[in-house]
Amino acid sequence: MLFRKHSLVIKSYAKLNLSLKIVGTRSDGYHLLDMVNLPLDLHDIVEVNLMPGAQDTYITADDPLLNAMKHNLCGQAVQALRSFSDNFNIHIHKEIPFAAGLGGGSSNAAAVLFAVNELLHLNADQETLHQIALSIGADVPYFFLNRPARLEGIGEIIHPLDCHPSYWCVLIKPKEGVSTKECYQICDRFPRLPIDNDKVIEGLKQEDDALIASAYGNDLEPAATEIVPAIKDALNALRDFGFTLVGMSGSGSCCYALTKDFKKAKEAARHFSKTMDFVGLTKTIG
């Protein structure tokens, strides 16, 4: 090949779990889920450079918590597709907070899979990439879609939704993150919430926030709140500010408020920036 591309720069988007219902447990201990996900415009930038002749693959990030993590999800993504002679220099410009329930690590892994597939001209089809992504993490395949979707199983069964909800999203996160593994380990100690995702989806299609509010929820919230009590304070603070659609994404600790009112969202972001470890103002996409 005369000309070969050696680098790609990819936006790696966050996701929001608008609603997360635990519906059972597999024989291997994994929880079966029914989730409604919305993609967010909040994103990291992943730079992937093919380094011919390099002795190893190097992954760095702006966030010191992720630096020098050779065996993180991005490292697994490289190992899944490359040959032993292919090495990369990968840098992640972080905007998605760590241990927040927004899928930052999984999104980064999906971006790296896409980049390695392109740079090495592997021509892996979507089904192949889906299976490789699933071997890295249950929610990695979703980030190839980046559309509103209903997810079932452990997150690998993806049903795109025929709707285009448009919300401003205020994100606030306490300083302490939540370990997803720890959250799932204790979540069965708490009663399940009365979540009806059929109604949540109907509310999205009809743009009926009241219907969504009557049916959505997150079955991981009680467990996450026990691990990080500040989550409860964050949720209450968003409600006290006057938002209707308030919740925790994934296993936390990031909390969200959705609104059509940009002025209110902007005021809230400014208000919470004085007290919260992380505050983001973004919007849903897709």
C-alpha atoms as a PDB file:
ATOM      1  CA  MET A   1       0.000   0.000   0.000  1.00  0.00           C
ATOM      2  CA  LEU A   2       1.577   3.276  -1.129  1.00  0.00           C
ATOM      3  CA  PHE A   3      -0.160   5.557   1.360  1.00  0.00           C
ATOM      4  CA  ARG A   4      -1.144   4.222   4.756  1.00  0.00           C
ATOM      5  CA  LYS A   5      -2.959   6.237   7.388  1.00  0.00           C
ATOM      6  CA  HIS A   6      -1.103   6.092  10.701  1.00  0.00           C
ATOM      7  CA  SER A   7      -3.343   8.078  13.037  1.00  0.00           C
ATOM      8  CA  LEU A   8      -6.973   8.735  13.895  1.00  0.00           C
ATOM      9  CA  VAL A   9      -8.633  11.202  16.263  1.00  0.00           C
ATOM     10  CA  ILE A  10     -12.037  10.062  17.512  1.00  0.00           C
ATOM     11  CA  LYS A  11     -14.723  11.567  19.728  1.00  0.00           C
ATOM     12  CA  SER A  12     -15.598   9.104  22.478  1.00  0.00           C
ATOM     13  CA  TYR A  13     -19.096   9.947  23.766  1.00  0.00           C
ATOM     14  CA  ALA A  14     -20.603   9.427  27.226  1.00  0.00           C
ATOM     15  CA  LYS A  15     -23.940   7.735  27.843  1.00  0.00           C
ATOM     16  CA  LEU A  16     -26.703   8.367  30.325  1.00  0.00           C
ATOM     17  CA  ASN A  17     -28.739   5.566  31.872  1.00  0.00           C
ATOM     18  CA  LEU A  18     -32.098   7.281  31.985  1.00  0.00           C
ATOM     19  CA  SER A  19     -33.577   4.151  33.547  1.00  0.00           C
ATOM     20  CA  LEU A  20     -31.989   0.940  34.827  1.00  0.00           C
ATOM     21  CA  LYS A  21     -34.048  -2.016  36.003  1.00  0.00           C
ATOM     22  CA  ILE A  22     -32.602  -5.270  37.343  1.00  0.00           C
ATOM     23  CA  VAL A  23     -34.786  -8.128  36.086  1.00  0.00           C
ATOM     24  CA  GLY A  24     -32.860 -11.208  37.223  1.00  0.00           C
ATOM     25  CA  THR A  25     -29.512 -12.915  37.658  1.00  0.00           C
ATOM     26  CA  ARG A  26     -27.678 -15.277  35.321  1.00  0.00           C
ATOM     27  CA  SER A  27     -26.240 -18.572  36.515  1.00  0.00           C
ATOM     28  CA  ASP A  28     -22.765 -17.010  36.418  1.00  0.00           C
ATOM     29  CA  GLY A  29     -23.840 -14.264  38.799  1.00  0.00           C
ATOM     30  CA  TYR A  30     -24.183 -11.450  36.262  1.00  0.00           C
ATOM     31  CA  HIS A  31     -27.310  -9.360  36.700  1.00  0.00           C
ATOM     32  CA  LEU A  32     -29.834  -9.207  33.875  1.00  0.00           C
ATOM     33  CA  LEU A  33     -30.876  -5.676  33.052  1.00  0.00           C
ATOM     34  CA  ASP A  34     -33.492  -3.653  31.224  1.00  0.00           C
ATOM     35  CA  MET A  35     -32.076  -0.187  30.523  1.00  0.00           C
ATOM     36  CA  VAL A  36     -32.954   2.916  28.561  1.00  0.00           C
ATOM     37  CA  ASN A  37     -29.796   4.722  27.435  1.00  0.00           C
ATOM     38  CA  LEU A  38     -29.362   8.178  25.952  1.00  0.00           C
ATOM     39  CA  PRO A  39     -26.062   9.274  24.364  1.00  0.00           C
ATOM     40  CA  LEU A  40     -24.586  12.576  25.516  1.00  0.00           C
ATOM     41  CA  ASP A  41     -22.587  15.184  23.658  1.00  0.00           C
ATOM     42  CA  LEU A  42     -20.037  15.087  26.493  1.00  0.00           C
ATOM     43  CA  HIS A  43     -17.024  13.282  25.069  1.00  0.00           C
ATOM     44  CA  ASP A  44     -13.359  12.438  25.413  1.00  0.00           C
ATOM     45  CA  ILE A  45     -10.957  12.774  22.487  1.00  0.00           C
ATOM     46  CA  VAL A  46      -9.023   9.589  21.721  1.00  0.00           C
ATOM     47  CA  GLU A  47      -5.866   9.912  19.620  1.00  0.00           C
ATOM     48  CA  VAL A  48      -4.635   6.607  18.211  1.00  0.00           C
ATOM     49  CA  ASN A  49      -1.281   6.508  16.428  1.00  0.00           C
ATOM     50  CA  LEU A  50       0.138   3.420  14.744  1.00  0.00           C
ATOM     51  CA  MET A  51       3.824   3.187  15.677  1.00  0.00           C
ATOM     52  CA  PRO A  52       5.704   0.871  13.295  1.00  0.00           C
ATOM     53  CA  GLY A  53       8.742  -0.608  14.992  1.00  0.00           C
ATOM     54  CA  ALA A  54       7.694   0.409  18.505  1.00  0.00           C
ATOM     55  CA  GLN A  55       8.409  -2.130  21.253  1.00  0.00           C
ATOM     56  CA  ASP A  56       5.090  -1.759  23.053  1.00  0.00           C
ATOM     57  CA  THR A  57       1.725   0.022  23.090  1.00  0.00           C
ATOM     58  CA  TYR A  58       1.526   3.075  25.336  1.00  0.00           C
ATOM     59  CA  ILE A  59      -1.709   4.547  26.707  1.00  0.00           C
ATOM     60  CA  THR A  60      -1.774   7.922  28.439  1.00  0.00           C
ATOM     61  CA  ALA A  61      -4.556  10.210  29.602  1.00  0.00           C
ATOM     62  CA  ASP A  62      -5.065  13.727  30.916  1.00  0.00           C
ATOM     63  CA  ASP A  63      -6.677  12.232  34.032  1.00  0.00           C
ATOM     64  CA  PRO A  64      -3.896  11.086  36.405  1.00  0.00           C
ATOM     65  CA  LEU A  65      -6.195   8.335  37.702  1.00  0.00           C
ATOM     66  CA  LEU A  66      -5.985   6.659  34.297  1.00  0.00           C
ATOM     67  CA  ASN A  67      -2.346   7.286  33.428  1.00  0.00           C
ATOM     68  CA  ALA A  68      -0.019   4.296  33.202  1.00  0.00           C
ATOM     69  CA  MET A  69      -2.967   1.863  33.195  1.00  0.00           C
ATOM     70  CA  LYS A  70      -1.490  -0.495  30.636  1.00  0.00           C
ATOM     71  CA  HIS A  71      -4.198  -3.084  31.200  1.00  0.00           C
ATOM     72  CA  ASN A  72      -7.260  -0.839  31.136  1.00  0.00           C
ATOM     73  CA  LEU A  73     -10.122  -1.374  28.671  1.00  0.00           C
ATOM     74  CA  CYS A  74      -8.276   0.456  25.899  1.00  0.00           C
ATOM     75  CA  GLY A  75      -5.346  -1.892  26.318  1.00  0.00           C
ATOM     76  CA  GLN A  76      -7.675  -4.851  26.031  1.00  0.00           C
ATOM     77  CA  ALA A  77      -9.139  -3.357  22.851  1.00  0.00           C
ATOM     78  CA  VAL A  78      -5.703  -3.142  21.245  1.00  0.00           C
ATOM     79  CA  GLN A  79      -4.834  -6.702  22.265  1.00  0.00           C
ATOM     80  CA  ALA A  80      -8.095  -7.979  20.784  1.00  0.00           C
ATOM     81  CA  LEU A  81      -7.351  -6.783  17.249  1.00  0.00           C
ATOM     82  CA  ARG A  82      -3.656  -6.165  16.686  1.00  0.00           C
ATOM     83  CA  SER A  83      -0.984  -8.640  15.663  1.00  0.00           C
ATOM     84  CA  PHE A  84       2.128  -8.856  17.823  1.00  0.00           C
ATOM     85  CA  SER A  85       3.995  -6.624  15.386  1.00  0.00           C
ATOM     86  CA  ASP A  86       1.494  -3.757  15.677  1.00  0.00           C
ATOM     87  CA  ASN A  87       1.913  -1.229  18.472  1.00  0.00           C
ATOM     88  CA  PHE A  88       0.205   2.064  19.146  1.00  0.00           C
ATOM     89  CA  ASN A  89       0.558   5.295  21.041  1.00  0.00           C
ATOM     90  CA  ILE A  90      -2.867   6.173  22.457  1.00  0.00           C
ATOM     91  CA  HIS A  91      -3.678   9.373  24.291  1.00  0.00           C
ATOM     92  CA  ILE A  92      -7.061  10.122  25.855  1.00  0.00           C
ATOM     93  CA  HIS A  93      -8.072  13.731  26.448  1.00  0.00           C
ATOM     94  CA  LYS A  94     -10.500  13.213  29.323  1.00  0.00           C
ATOM     95  CA  GLU A  95     -13.715  15.127  29.799  1.00  0.00           C
ATOM     96  CA  ILE A  96     -15.900  12.243  31.021  1.00  0.00           C
ATOM     97  CA  PRO A  97     -15.271  11.797  34.758  1.00  0.00           C
ATOM     98  CA  PHE A  98     -13.861   8.550  36.100  1.00  0.00           C
ATOM     99  CA  ALA A  99     -16.042   6.075  38.081  1.00  0.00           C
ATOM    100  CA  ALA A 100     -19.149   8.113  37.291  1.00  0.00           C
ATOM    101  CA  GLY A 101     -21.544   5.693  35.588  1.00  0.00           C
ATOM    102  CA  LEU A 102     -21.243   7.533  32.274  1.00  0.00           C
ATOM    103  CA  GLY A 103     -19.372   4.770  30.452  1.00  0.00           C
ATOM    104  CA  GLY A 104     -16.164   6.681  29.810  1.00  0.00           C
ATOM    105  CA  GLY A 105     -13.869   3.658  29.894  1.00  0.00           C
ATOM    106  CA  SER A 106     -16.153   1.557  27.721  1.00  0.00           C
ATOM    107  CA  SER A 107     -16.599   4.389  25.243  1.00  0.00           C
ATOM    108  CA  ASN A 108     -12.819   4.813  25.010  1.00  0.00           C
ATOM    109  CA  ALA A 109     -12.437   1.079  24.366  1.00  0.00           C
ATOM    110  CA  ALA A 110     -15.004   1.205  21.546  1.00  0.00           C
ATOM    111  CA  ALA A 111     -13.171   4.165  20.003  1.00  0.00           C
ATOM    112  CA  VAL A 112      -9.865   2.265  20.117  1.00  0.00           C
ATOM    113  CA  LEU A 113     -11.455  -0.843  18.557  1.00  0.00           C
ATOM    114  CA  PHE A 114     -12.791   1.299  15.723  1.00  0.00           C
ATOM    115  CA  ALA A 115      -9.422   3.015  15.232  1.00  0.00           C
ATOM    116  CA  VAL A 116      -7.346  -0.187  15.250  1.00  0.00           C
ATOM    117  CA  ASN A 117      -9.769  -1.793  12.791  1.00  0.00           C
ATOM    118  CA  GLU A 118      -9.371   1.208  10.479  1.00  0.00           C
ATOM    119  CA  LEU A 119      -5.618   1.732  10.822  1.00  0.00           C
ATOM    120  CA  LEU A 120      -4.770  -1.943  10.285  1.00  0.00           C
ATOM    121  CA  HIS A 121      -7.342  -2.300   7.473  1.00  0.00           C
ATOM    122  CA  LEU A 122      -8.811  -5.384   9.144  1.00  0.00           C
ATOM    123  CA  ASN A 123     -12.280  -4.829   7.655  1.00  0.00           C
ATOM    124  CA  ALA A 124     -13.982  -6.460  10.648  1.00  0.00           C
ATOM    125  CA  ASP A 125     -17.757  -6.243  10.222  1.00  0.00           C
ATOM    126  CA  GLN A 126     -20.161  -4.862  12.824  1.00  0.00           C
ATOM    127  CA  GLU A 127     -21.046  -8.291  14.227  1.00  0.00           C
ATOM    128  CA  THR A 128     -17.381  -9.169  14.710  1.00  0.00           C
ATOM    129  CA  LEU A 129     -16.676  -5.840  16.385  1.00  0.00           C
ATOM    130  CA  HIS A 130     -19.762  -6.326  18.575  1.00  0.00           C
ATOM    131  CA  GLN A 131     -18.511  -9.706  19.797  1.00  0.00           C
ATOM    132  CA  ILE A 132     -14.999  -8.410  20.446  1.00  0.00           C
ATOM    133  CA  ALA A 133     -16.423  -5.379  22.257  1.00  0.00           C
ATOM    134  CA  LEU A 134     -18.601  -7.637  24.416  1.00  0.00           C
ATOM    135  CA  SER A 135     -15.539  -9.678  25.419  1.00  0.00           C
ATOM    136  CA  ILE A 136     -14.023  -6.460  26.787  1.00  0.00           C
ATOM    137  CA  GLY A 137     -17.080  -5.194  28.657  1.00  0.00           C
ATOM    138  CA  ALA A 138     -20.848  -5.629  28.629  1.00  0.00           C
ATOM    139  CA  ASP A 139     -21.579  -2.012  27.732  1.00  0.00           C
ATOM    140  CA  VAL A 140     -18.785  -1.522  25.170  1.00  0.00           C
ATOM    141  CA  PRO A 141     -20.955  -2.564  22.148  1.00  0.00           C
ATOM    142  CA  TYR A 142     -23.457   0.225  22.857  1.00  0.00           C
ATOM    143  CA  PHE A 143     -20.860   2.859  21.993  1.00  0.00           C
ATOM    144  CA  PHE A 144     -20.760   1.722  18.361  1.00  0.00           C
ATOM    145  CA  LEU A 145     -24.404   2.818  18.172  1.00  0.00           C
ATOM    146  CA  ASN A 146     -24.565   6.130  20.089  1.00  0.00           C
ATOM    147  CA  ARG A 147     -28.326   6.378  19.715  1.00  0.00           C
ATOM    148  CA  PRO A 148     -31.197   6.241  22.202  1.00  0.00           C
ATOM    149  CA  ALA A 149     -31.685   2.538  22.860  1.00  0.00           C
ATOM    150  CA  ARG A 150     -33.185  -0.091  25.108  1.00  0.00           C
ATOM    151  CA  LEU A 151     -30.579  -2.562  26.349  1.00  0.00           C
ATOM    152  CA  GLU A 152     -31.300  -6.003  27.742  1.00  0.00           C
ATOM    153  CA  GLY A 153     -29.359  -9.055  28.919  1.00  0.00           C
ATOM    154  CA  ILE A 154     -26.191  -7.775  30.568  1.00  0.00           C
ATOM    155  CA  GLY A 155     -26.282  -4.826  28.190  1.00  0.00           C
ATOM    156  CA  GLU A 156     -25.309  -6.660  25.002  1.00  0.00           C
ATOM    157  CA  ILE A 157     -28.822  -6.897  23.498  1.00  0.00           C
ATOM    158  CA  ILE A 158     -29.396  -3.497  21.938  1.00  0.00           C
ATOM    159  CA  HIS A 159     -32.698  -2.203  20.537  1.00  0.00           C
ATOM    160  CA  PRO A 160     -32.357   1.250  18.917  1.00  0.00           C
ATOM    161  CA  LEU A 161     -35.314   3.517  19.707  1.00  0.00           C
ATOM    162  CA  ASP A 162     -37.251   5.402  17.070  1.00  0.00           C
ATOM    163  CA  CYS A 163     -37.149   8.707  18.905  1.00  0.00           C
ATOM    164  CA  HIS A 164     -34.875  11.716  19.157  1.00  0.00           C
ATOM    165  CA  PRO A 165     -35.217  13.214  22.641  1.00  0.00           C
ATOM    166  CA  SER A 166     -33.625  16.617  22.985  1.00  0.00           C
ATOM    167  CA  TYR A 167     -32.641  17.648  26.502  1.00  0.00           C
ATOM    168  CA  TRP A 168     -30.102  19.819  28.189  1.00  0.00           C
ATOM    169  CA  CYS A 169     -28.345  17.726  30.786  1.00  0.00           C
ATOM    170  CA  VAL A 170     -26.808  18.975  34.022  1.00  0.00           C
ATOM    171  CA  LEU A 171     -24.299  16.506  35.475  1.00  0.00           C
ATOM    172  CA  ILE A 172     -22.976  16.716  39.016  1.00  0.00           C
ATOM    173  CA  LYS A 173     -20.650  14.243  40.668  1.00  0.00           C
ATOM    174  CA  PRO A 174     -19.440  13.932  44.245  1.00  0.00           C
ATOM    175  CA  LYS A 175     -15.696  13.576  44.666  1.00  0.00           C
ATOM    176  CA  GLU A 176     -15.878   9.865  45.480  1.00  0.00           C
ATOM    177  CA  GLY A 177     -16.630   7.410  42.662  1.00  0.00           C
ATOM    178  CA  VAL A 178     -18.452   4.095  42.882  1.00  0.00           C
ATOM    179  CA  SER A 179     -16.924   0.733  42.022  1.00  0.00           C
ATOM    180  CA  THR A 180     -19.338  -0.952  39.606  1.00  0.00           C
ATOM    181  CA  LYS A 181     -18.287  -4.359  40.910  1.00  0.00           C
ATOM    182  CA  GLU A 182     -18.923  -3.395  44.532  1.00  0.00           C
ATOM    183  CA  CYS A 183     -22.271  -1.830  43.654  1.00  0.00           C
ATOM    184  CA  TYR A 184     -23.531  -4.995  41.954  1.00  0.00           C
ATOM    185  CA  GLN A 185     -22.206  -7.147  44.798  1.00  0.00           C
ATOM    186  CA  ILE A 186     -24.524  -5.486  47.318  1.00  0.00           C
ATOM    187  CA  CYS A 187     -27.473  -4.399  45.151  1.00  0.00           C
ATOM    188  CA  ASP A 188     -29.534  -7.526  45.912  1.00  0.00           C
ATOM    189  CA  ARG A 189     -29.802  -6.434  49.541  1.00  0.00           C
ATOM    190  CA  PHE A 190     -32.184  -3.665  48.494  1.00  0.00           C
ATOM    191  CA  PRO A 191     -35.790  -3.887  47.220  1.00  0.00           C
ATOM    192  CA  ARG A 192     -36.364  -3.263  43.537  1.00  0.00           C
ATOM    193  CA  LEU A 193     -37.935  -0.011  42.419  1.00  0.00           C
ATOM    194  CA  PRO A 194     -41.291   0.208  40.546  1.00  0.00           C
ATOM    195  CA  ILE A 195     -39.703   0.853  37.135  1.00  0.00           C
ATOM    196  CA  ASP A 196     -41.666   0.497  33.886  1.00  0.00           C
ATOM    197  CA  ASN A 197     -39.386   1.040  30.909  1.00  0.00           C
ATOM    198  CA  ASP A 198     -42.205   0.526  28.405  1.00  0.00           C
ATOM    199  CA  LYS A 199     -43.734   3.729  29.784  1.00  0.00           C
ATOM    200  CA  VAL A 200     -40.346   5.447  29.847  1.00  0.00           C
ATOM    201  CA  ILE A 201     -39.891   4.749  26.140  1.00  0.00           C
ATOM    202  CA  GLU A 202     -43.441   5.847  25.355  1.00  0.00           C
ATOM    203  CA  GLY A 203     -42.741   9.057  27.273  1.00  0.00           C
ATOM    204  CA  LEU A 204     -39.619   9.671  25.182  1.00  0.00           C
ATOM    205  CA  LYS A 205     -41.549   9.136  21.964  1.00  0.00           C
ATOM    206  CA  GLN A 206     -44.372  11.439  23.066  1.00  0.00           C
ATOM    207  CA  GLU A 207     -42.012  13.973  24.676  1.00  0.00           C
ATOM    208  CA  ASP A 208     -44.050  13.516  27.851  1.00  0.00           C
ATOM    209  CA  ASP A 209     -41.782  14.223  30.829  1.00  0.00           C
ATOM    210  CA  ALA A 210     -44.562  13.505  33.303  1.00  0.00           C
ATOM    211  CA  LEU A 211     -44.971   9.982  31.916  1.00  0.00           C
ATOM    212  CA  ILE A 212     -41.219   9.399  32.094  1.00  0.00           C
ATOM    213  CA  ALA A 213     -41.114  10.708  35.659  1.00  0.00           C
ATOM    214  CA  SER A 214     -43.875   8.296  36.693  1.00  0.00           C
ATOM    215  CA  ALA A 215     -42.001   5.230  35.452  1.00  0.00           C
ATOM    216  CA  TYR A 216     -38.213   5.668  35.424  1.00  0.00           C
ATOM    217  CA  GLY A 217     -35.624   4.774  38.066  1.00  0.00           C
ATOM    218  CA  ASN A 218     -32.322   3.073  38.797  1.00  0.00           C
ATOM    219  CA  ASP A 219     -32.232  -0.150  40.821  1.00  0.00           C
ATOM    220  CA  LEU A 220     -28.538   0.447  41.583  1.00  0.00           C
ATOM    221  CA  GLU A 221     -29.191   3.755  43.299  1.00  0.00           C
ATOM    222  CA  PRO A 222     -29.852   2.385  46.822  1.00  0.00           C
ATOM    223  CA  ALA A 223     -26.619   0.360  46.761  1.00  0.00           C
ATOM    224  CA  ALA A 224     -24.559   3.195  45.284  1.00  0.00           C
ATOM    225  CA  THR A 225     -25.949   5.604  47.868  1.00  0.00           C
ATOM    226  CA  GLU A 226     -24.865   3.287  50.662  1.00  0.00           C
ATOM    227  CA  ILE A 227     -21.335   3.216  49.229  1.00  0.00           C
ATOM    228  CA  VAL A 228     -21.238   6.988  48.584  1.00  0.00           C
ATOM    229  CA  PRO A 229     -23.853   8.775  50.745  1.00  0.00           C
ATOM    230  CA  ALA A 230     -23.091  12.067  48.964  1.00  0.00           C
ATOM    231  CA  ILE A 231     -25.055  10.735  45.967  1.00  0.00           C
ATOM    232  CA  LYS A 232     -28.297  11.192  47.906  1.00  0.00           C
ATOM    233  CA  ASP A 233     -27.333  14.778  48.695  1.00  0.00           C
ATOM    234  CA  ALA A 234     -26.583  15.435  45.021  1.00  0.00           C
ATOM    235  CA  LEU A 235     -29.939  14.021  43.900  1.00  0.00           C
ATOM    236  CA  ASN A 236     -31.808  16.058  46.503  1.00  0.00           C
ATOM    237  CA  ALA A 237     -29.921  19.204  45.487  1.00  0.00           C
ATOM    238  CA  LEU A 238     -31.003  18.774  41.851  1.00  0.00           C
ATOM    239  CA  ARG A 239     -34.621  18.225  42.904  1.00  0.00           C
ATOM    240  CA  ASP A 240     -34.496  21.238  45.206  1.00  0.00           C
ATOM    241  CA  PHE A 241     -33.318  23.307  42.238  1.00  0.00           C
ATOM    242  CA  GLY A 242     -36.646  22.489  40.607  1.00  0.00           C
ATOM    243  CA  PHE A 243     -35.801  19.738  38.124  1.00  0.00           C
ATOM    244  CA  THR A 244     -38.329  16.957  37.470  1.00  0.00           C
ATOM    245  CA  LEU A 245     -36.198  14.367  35.675  1.00  0.00           C
ATOM    246  CA  VAL A 246     -33.415  13.666  38.156  1.00  0.00           C
ATOM    247  CA  GLY A 247     -31.480  10.438  38.602  1.00  0.00           C
ATOM    248  CA  MET A 248     -28.172   8.623  38.902  1.00  0.00           C
ATOM    249  CA  SER A 249     -26.509   7.157  35.820  1.00  0.00           C
ATOM    250  CA  GLY A 250     -25.305   3.553  35.862  1.00  0.00           C
ATOM    251  CA  SER A 251     -23.697   2.614  39.150  1.00  0.00           C
ATOM    252  CA  GLY A 252     -22.896   6.280  39.886  1.00  0.00           C
ATOM    253  CA  SER A 253     -21.666   8.440  41.330  1.00  0.00           C
ATOM    254  CA  CYS A 254     -22.659  10.984  38.668  1.00  0.00           C
ATOM    255  CA  CYS A 255     -26.193  12.366  38.971  1.00  0.00           C
ATOM    256  CA  TYR A 256     -28.156  14.115  36.262  1.00  0.00           C
ATOM    257  CA  ALA A 257     -31.043  16.460  35.612  1.00  0.00           C
ATOM    258  CA  LEU A 258     -32.723  16.645  32.199  1.00  0.00           C
ATOM    259  CA  THR A 259     -34.574  19.752  31.056  1.00  0.00           C
ATOM    260  CA  LYS A 260     -35.708  21.576  27.917  1.00  0.00           C
ATOM    261  CA  ASP A 261     -34.890  24.905  29.620  1.00  0.00           C
ATOM    262  CA  PHE A 262     -31.347  25.921  28.684  1.00  0.00           C
ATOM    263  CA  LYS A 263     -31.390  28.985  30.936  1.00  0.00           C
ATOM    264  CA  LYS A 264     -32.320  26.892  33.963  1.00  0.00           C
ATOM    265  CA  ALA A 265     -29.689  24.270  33.093  1.00  0.00           C
ATOM    266  CA  LYS A 266     -27.016  26.956  32.750  1.00  0.00           C
ATOM    267  CA  GLU A 267     -27.995  28.533  36.074  1.00  0.00           C
ATOM    268  CA  ALA A 268     -27.847  25.131  37.769  1.00  0.00           C
ATOM    269  CA  ALA A 269     -24.417  24.344  36.352  1.00  0.00           C
ATOM    270  CA  ARG A 270     -23.105  27.674  37.591  1.00  0.00           C
ATOM    271  CA  HIS A 271     -24.687  27.108  41.013  1.00  0.00           C
ATOM    272  CA  PHE A 272     -23.305  23.602  41.538  1.00  0.00           C
ATOM    273  CA  SER A 273     -19.828  24.459  40.267  1.00  0.00           C
ATOM    274  CA  LYS A 274     -19.245  26.086  43.675  1.00  0.00           C
ATOM    275  CA  THR A 275     -19.792  22.874  45.654  1.00  0.00           C
ATOM    276  CA  MET A 276     -19.432  19.776  43.448  1.00  0.00           C
ATOM    277  CA  ASP A 277     -16.252  17.977  42.408  1.00  0.00           C
ATOM    278  CA  PHE A 278     -17.452  17.742  38.804  1.00  0.00           C
ATOM    279  CA  VAL A 279     -20.163  19.721  37.028  1.00  0.00           C
ATOM    280  CA  GLY A 280     -21.027  19.342  33.370  1.00  0.00           C
ATOM    281  CA  LEU A 281     -23.536  21.008  31.099  1.00  0.00           C
ATOM    282  CA  THR A 282     -24.180  18.990  27.970  1.00  0.00           C
ATOM    283  CA  LYS A 283     -27.068  17.736  25.852  1.00  0.00           C
ATOM    284  CA  THR A 284     -28.473  14.487  24.568  1.00  0.00           C
ATOM    285  CA  ILE A 285     -27.681  13.488  20.990  1.00  0.00           C
ATOM    286  CA  GLY A 286     -28.902  10.936  18.502  1.00  0.00           C
END
